[in-house]
Structure formats: C-alpha cells, structure tokens
C-alpha cells in the first residue's frame, strides 16, 4: 500500500470526526481503503512468519507451525 492511500485514509478519518461527516461515497471509499490496508498488513505479517525459525536447545532450526499442526 502506498503512502497516498494511507494519507487518504487519515484524511477521511479526520473528516469523519468533524461536524460535516462523510458522504455515503466517502464511507464506501474509507471501508475499501481500510480493508486494503488490513489485507496488506496481514500479508506482510504472514510473509514474515513464514520466514521465521525457532532454535531448540540443540541449536536446530525449526520452522514455525500453524496452530493445530
């Protein structure tokens, strides 16, 4: 997600707090931008966790496993 979209999210959040509020189109835009932001953050986190290893007492690397595996 690029900085212009993040700036737009912040701009819409500030406008929503004012007495003016958001129009229906702006609310839809805000929801779409927020969803895109959350998806980007989750994707980055999953990628980082996929590259994470844990060392056991013997010095062996073990890949992180998903809960329940």
Protein backbone atom coordinates (compact mmCIF):
# COMPACT_ATOMS: atom_id res chain seq x y z
CA UNK A 1 0.00 0.00 0.00
CA UNK A 2 1.46 3.34 -0.96
CA UNK A 3 1.65 6.49 1.13
CA UNK A 4 -1.02 8.36 -0.86
CA UNK A 5 -3.64 5.78 0.10
CA UNK A 6 -2.61 5.93 3.75
CA UNK A 7 -2.85 9.71 3.63
CA UNK A 8 -6.35 9.40 2.15
CA UNK A 9 -7.40 7.03 4.95
CA UNK A 10 -6.19 9.57 7.50
CA UNK A 11 -7.89 12.43 5.66
CA UNK A 12 -11.22 10.58 5.66
CA UNK A 13 -10.83 9.70 9.35
CA UNK A 14 -10.26 13.35 10.24
CA UNK A 15 -13.25 14.44 8.15
CA UNK A 16 -15.47 11.81 9.79
CA UNK A 17 -14.73 13.35 13.20
CA UNK A 18 -15.89 16.80 12.12
CA UNK A 19 -19.47 18.04 12.15
CA UNK A 20 -19.51 17.72 8.36
CA UNK A 21 -19.08 13.95 8.43
CA UNK A 22 -18.67 11.66 5.44
CA UNK A 23 -20.91 11.17 2.45
CA UNK A 24 -22.07 7.67 1.51
CA UNK A 25 -19.47 7.53 -1.28
CA UNK A 26 -16.71 8.59 1.11
CA UNK A 27 -17.79 5.97 3.65
CA UNK A 28 -17.59 3.28 0.96
CA UNK A 29 -14.16 4.57 -0.12
CA UNK A 30 -12.99 4.58 3.51
CA UNK A 31 -14.16 0.99 4.05
CA UNK A 32 -12.43 -0.19 0.87
CA UNK A 33 -9.18 1.58 1.76
CA UNK A 34 -9.23 0.21 5.30
CA UNK A 35 -9.83 -3.34 4.01
CA UNK A 36 -6.91 -2.95 1.58
CA UNK A 37 -4.70 -1.67 4.41
CA UNK A 38 -5.60 -4.55 6.74
CA UNK A 39 -5.01 -7.08 3.95
CA UNK A 40 -1.59 -5.56 3.25
CA UNK A 41 -0.59 -5.68 6.94
CA UNK A 42 -1.78 -9.28 7.32
CA UNK A 43 0.04 -10.30 4.13
CA UNK A 44 3.27 -8.75 5.38
CA UNK A 45 2.90 -10.44 8.77
CA UNK A 46 2.23 -13.85 7.21
CA UNK A 47 5.26 -13.44 4.96
CA UNK A 48 7.44 -12.57 7.93
CA UNK A 49 6.17 -15.52 9.96
CA UNK A 50 6.80 -17.86 7.01
CA UNK A 51 10.49 -16.87 7.18
CA UNK A 52 10.74 -17.26 10.98
CA UNK A 53 12.54 -20.16 12.60
CA UNK A 54 12.93 -21.16 16.25
CA UNK A 55 16.15 -22.62 17.62
CA UNK A 56 15.80 -25.56 20.03
CA UNK A 57 18.22 -26.44 22.83
CA UNK A 58 20.50 -28.40 20.47
CA UNK A 59 20.80 -25.46 18.05
CA UNK A 60 18.49 -26.95 15.41
CA UNK A 61 16.26 -24.60 13.45
CA UNK A 62 12.58 -25.43 13.37
CA UNK A 63 10.12 -23.66 11.15
CA UNK A 64 7.11 -22.12 12.89
CA UNK A 65 3.98 -24.20 12.51
CA UNK A 66 0.41 -23.06 12.30
CA UNK A 67 -1.66 -23.64 15.40
CA UNK A 68 -3.14 -27.12 15.34
CA UNK A 69 -0.46 -28.70 13.11
